[in-house]
Amino acid sequence: MKKFFALTFLFFTTFIFGQTTIKFNGATALIGVPNVGFETSIGRKLTFQFDAAASFWESINGAPYKGLMITPEVRYHFKEKFDGFYVGANISFATYKLQKYGYSETGNYQKGFSFFIGPTIGYQWKLNENWGLDLFVGGGHQEANYKLYNIETNKRVDTWYKGYNRSGEFIPYRGGLMITYKLK
């Protein structure tokens, strides 16, 4: 998972041309979940952002908390690119092995994948020619597909069903304060 995360980031930052910023989410880093990405110009007031967030925690309160989420997003900037208010639309994909909320007393965790679709709203500040900040929050609809496992034995608990369990809900799933650096 670490190699995929690093190679994806390297690929996209290497082959992007035009105005491009690389980003690091300071807010999620504080809780041990690195979130890095890039944003590049695709029009007069449009940008494309691609970011990835990953958790490598083997255990939080005795349960695994591992996951990888990638998010491609198109953003419309009201003022100018990389400065001021913007809105975005994204589709995210995640794979995980973690204990979902509401399961802390069960001794079980989920392993699976999810799809997300929703809007983002944010504000960007230019601090100087190269450095900036990007404060954002986003959410929307999630479709989760997972299997249920016991924490102690790592054996599947929901053996009565051979496929994936499914759930869908509206949730906040992105946010933070990105520290940005303009490459060109």
Protein backbone atom coordinates (compact mmCIF):
# COMPACT_ATOMS: atom_id res chain seq x y z
CA MET A 1 0.00 0.00 0.00
CA LYS A 2 2.87 2.39 0.80
CA LYS A 3 4.46 1.74 -2.60
CA PHE A 4 1.17 2.38 -4.43
CA PHE A 5 0.70 5.64 -2.50
CA ALA A 6 4.22 6.86 -3.31
CA LEU A 7 4.18 5.79 -6.97
CA THR A 8 0.77 7.38 -7.61
CA PHE A 9 1.90 10.68 -6.14
CA LEU A 10 5.21 10.60 -8.04
CA PHE A 11 3.52 9.75 -11.35
CA PHE A 12 1.03 12.59 -11.21
CA THR A 13 3.46 15.25 -9.97
CA THR A 14 6.09 14.28 -12.56
CA PHE A 15 3.82 14.36 -15.64
CA ILE A 16 1.72 17.45 -14.91
CA PHE A 17 2.49 20.61 -16.87
CA GLY A 18 1.42 24.22 -16.33
CA GLN A 19 0.65 25.85 -12.99
CA THR A 20 0.91 23.13 -10.39
CA THR A 21 1.01 23.08 -6.60
CA ILE A 22 1.97 20.19 -4.37
CA LYS A 23 0.13 19.87 -1.07
CA PHE A 24 0.44 18.37 2.38
CA ASN A 25 -2.47 18.24 4.83
CA GLY A 26 -1.20 19.50 8.18
CA ALA A 27 -4.49 18.72 9.98
CA THR A 28 -4.60 15.01 9.13
CA ALA A 29 -0.85 14.66 9.74
CA LEU A 30 -1.49 15.60 13.38
CA ILE A 31 -3.58 12.42 13.79
CA GLY A 32 -1.08 10.22 11.93
CA VAL A 33 -2.92 10.06 8.59
CA PRO A 34 -0.74 11.60 5.86
CA ASN A 35 -2.64 13.29 3.02
CA VAL A 36 -0.64 14.55 0.02
CA GLY A 37 -1.62 15.71 -3.42
CA PHE A 38 -1.29 18.17 -6.24
CA GLU A 39 -3.51 20.72 -7.93
CA THR A 40 -3.00 21.92 -11.50
CA SER A 41 -4.66 24.37 -13.86
CA ILE A 42 -7.06 22.99 -16.50
CA GLY A 43 -8.88 26.20 -17.48
CA ARG A 44 -9.29 29.90 -16.78
CA LYS A 45 -10.95 29.30 -13.38
CA LEU A 46 -10.78 25.49 -13.24
CA THR A 47 -8.23 23.26 -11.56
CA PHE A 48 -7.83 19.53 -11.13
CA GLN A 49 -6.72 18.16 -7.78
CA PHE A 50 -5.60 14.63 -7.04
CA ASP A 51 -4.80 13.60 -3.50
CA ALA A 52 -4.30 10.48 -1.48
CA ALA A 53 -4.69 9.88 2.25
CA ALA A 54 -3.42 6.79 4.03
CA SER A 55 -3.54 5.34 7.51
CA PHE A 56 -0.97 2.74 8.49
CA TRP A 57 -2.10 2.13 12.08
CA GLU A 58 -1.94 -1.54 13.08
CA SER A 59 -4.12 -0.87 16.12
CA ILE A 60 -6.23 1.89 17.65
CA ASN A 61 -7.96 0.71 20.84
CA GLY A 62 -7.14 -2.87 19.84
CA ALA A 63 -8.66 -2.65 16.34
CA PRO A 64 -6.87 -2.12 13.00
CA TYR A 65 -7.09 1.30 11.35
CA LYS A 66 -5.52 0.91 7.91
CA GLY A 67 -6.75 2.47 4.73
CA LEU A 68 -6.01 4.30 1.52
CA MET A 69 -8.30 6.89 -0.10
CA ILE A 70 -7.63 8.51 -3.48
CA THR A 71 -9.61 11.51 -4.63
CA PRO A 72 -9.65 13.12 -8.07
CA GLU A 73 -11.51 16.45 -7.98
CA VAL A 74 -12.39 19.30 -10.35
CA ARG A 75 -12.56 22.75 -8.73
CA TYR A 76 -14.11 26.03 -9.81
CA HIS A 77 -12.43 29.14 -8.35
CA PHE A 78 -14.60 32.24 -8.04
CA LYS A 79 -11.78 34.80 -7.86
CA GLU A 80 -8.74 33.30 -9.53
CA LYS A 81 -7.05 29.93 -9.53
CA PHE A 82 -5.26 29.05 -6.30
CA ASP A 83 -6.69 32.08 -4.44
CA GLY A 84 -10.02 32.70 -2.71
CA PHE A 85 -13.23 30.67 -2.49
CA TYR A 86 -13.81 27.58 -4.61
CA VAL A 87 -16.22 24.67 -4.96
CA GLY A 88 -15.31 21.22 -6.16
CA ALA A 89 -16.84 17.94 -7.23
CA ASN A 90 -15.07 14.65 -6.54
CA ILE A 91 -15.31 10.91 -6.75
CA SER A 92 -13.21 9.08 -4.17
CA PHE A 93 -12.19 5.46 -3.85
CA ALA A 94 -10.98 3.78 -0.66
CA THR A 95 -9.78 0.43 0.56
CA TYR A 96 -9.62 -0.27 4.28
CA LYS A 97 -9.23 -2.62 7.21
CA LEU A 98 -10.72 -0.83 10.22
CA GLN A 99 -13.39 -0.80 12.86
CA LYS A 100 -16.27 1.37 11.68
CA TYR A 101 -18.08 3.63 14.10
CA GLY A 102 -20.69 1.78 16.17
CA TYR A 103 -18.66 -1.46 16.29
CA SER A 104 -16.30 -0.71 19.21
CA GLU A 105 -18.14 -3.06 21.61
CA THR A 106 -18.49 -5.96 19.14
CA GLY A 107 -14.87 -7.14 18.89
CA ASN A 108 -15.15 -7.03 15.10
CA TYR A 109 -13.66 -4.98 12.26
CA GLN A 110 -14.45 -4.45 8.58
CA LYS A 111 -12.28 -5.08 5.55
CA GLY A 112 -13.39 -3.80 2.17
CA PHE A 113 -13.67 -0.89 -0.22
CA SER A 114 -15.83 2.19 -0.68
CA PHE A 115 -16.85 4.68 -3.34
CA PHE A 116 -17.67 8.30 -2.51
CA ILE A 117 -19.20 11.13 -4.50
CA GLY A 118 -19.76 14.65 -3.31
CA PRO A 119 -18.89 18.35 -3.21
CA THR A 120 -16.05 20.24 -1.55
CA ILE A 121 -15.99 23.86 -0.46
CA GLY A 122 -12.82 25.69 0.44
CA TYR A 123 -10.72 28.80 0.57
CA GLN A 124 -7.12 29.27 -0.55
CA TRP A 125 -4.66 31.94 0.61
CA LYS A 126 -1.48 32.94 -1.18
CA LEU A 127 1.17 33.55 1.48
CA ASN A 128 3.83 34.56 -1.05
CA GLU A 129 4.90 33.69 -4.61
CA ASN A 130 5.27 29.96 -3.85
CA TRP A 131 3.59 29.13 -0.54
CA GLY A 132 -0.10 29.02 0.32
CA LEU A 133 -2.83 27.47 2.44
CA ASP A 134 -5.95 25.56 1.38
CA LEU A 135 -8.71 25.13 4.00
CA PHE A 136 -11.43 22.75 2.81
CA VAL A 137 -14.25 20.43 3.85
CA GLY A 138 -16.22 17.94 1.79
CA GLY A 139 -18.71 15.16 2.09
CA GLY A 140 -21.37 13.31 0.24
CA HIS A 141 -22.61 9.80 -0.36
CA GLN A 142 -20.56 6.71 0.47
CA GLU A 143 -21.23 3.17 -0.76
CA ALA A 144 -19.28 0.68 1.37
CA ASN A 145 -18.62 -2.97 0.49
CA TYR A 146 -17.02 -4.97 3.29
CA LYS A 147 -16.66 -8.26 5.12
CA LEU A 148 -16.78 -8.56 8.91
CA TYR A 149 -13.85 -10.12 10.84
CA ASN A 150 -13.14 -10.92 14.49
CA ILE A 151 -10.29 -8.82 15.97
CA GLU A 152 -8.72 -11.67 17.99
CA THR A 153 -8.95 -14.51 15.45
CA ASN A 154 -8.96 -12.54 12.15
CA LYS A 155 -11.59 -15.02 10.95
CA ARG A 156 -14.64 -13.90 9.04
CA VAL A 157 -17.68 -13.54 11.30
CA ASP A 158 -20.46 -13.04 8.76
CA THR A 159 -20.01 -16.46 7.11
CA TRP A 160 -23.73 -16.82 6.40
CA TYR A 161 -23.22 -14.45 3.47
CA LYS A 162 -20.57 -15.25 0.87
CA GLY A 163 -20.41 -11.81 -0.78
CA TYR A 164 -19.82 -8.34 0.59
CA ASN A 165 -22.02 -6.56 3.10
CA ARG A 166 -23.14 -3.21 1.78
CA SER A 167 -24.06 0.07 3.37
CA GLY A 168 -24.64 3.57 2.09
CA GLU A 169 -24.82 6.86 3.90
CA PHE A 170 -24.19 10.58 3.61
CA ILE A 171 -21.07 11.51 5.56
CA PRO A 172 -18.26 14.07 5.71
CA TYR A 173 -15.19 12.34 4.27
CA ARG A 174 -12.61 15.01 3.48
CA GLY A 175 -11.22 18.09 5.07
CA GLY A 176 -8.24 19.82 6.53
CA LEU A 177 -5.69 22.52 6.02
CA MET A 178 -3.30 21.87 3.14
CA ILE A 179 0.07 23.57 3.03
CA THR A 180 0.75 24.28 -0.65
CA TYR A 181 3.89 24.91 -2.67
CA LYS A 182 3.73 26.21 -6.27
CA LEU A 183 6.09 24.35 -8.62
CA LYS A 184 5.78 26.58 -11.72
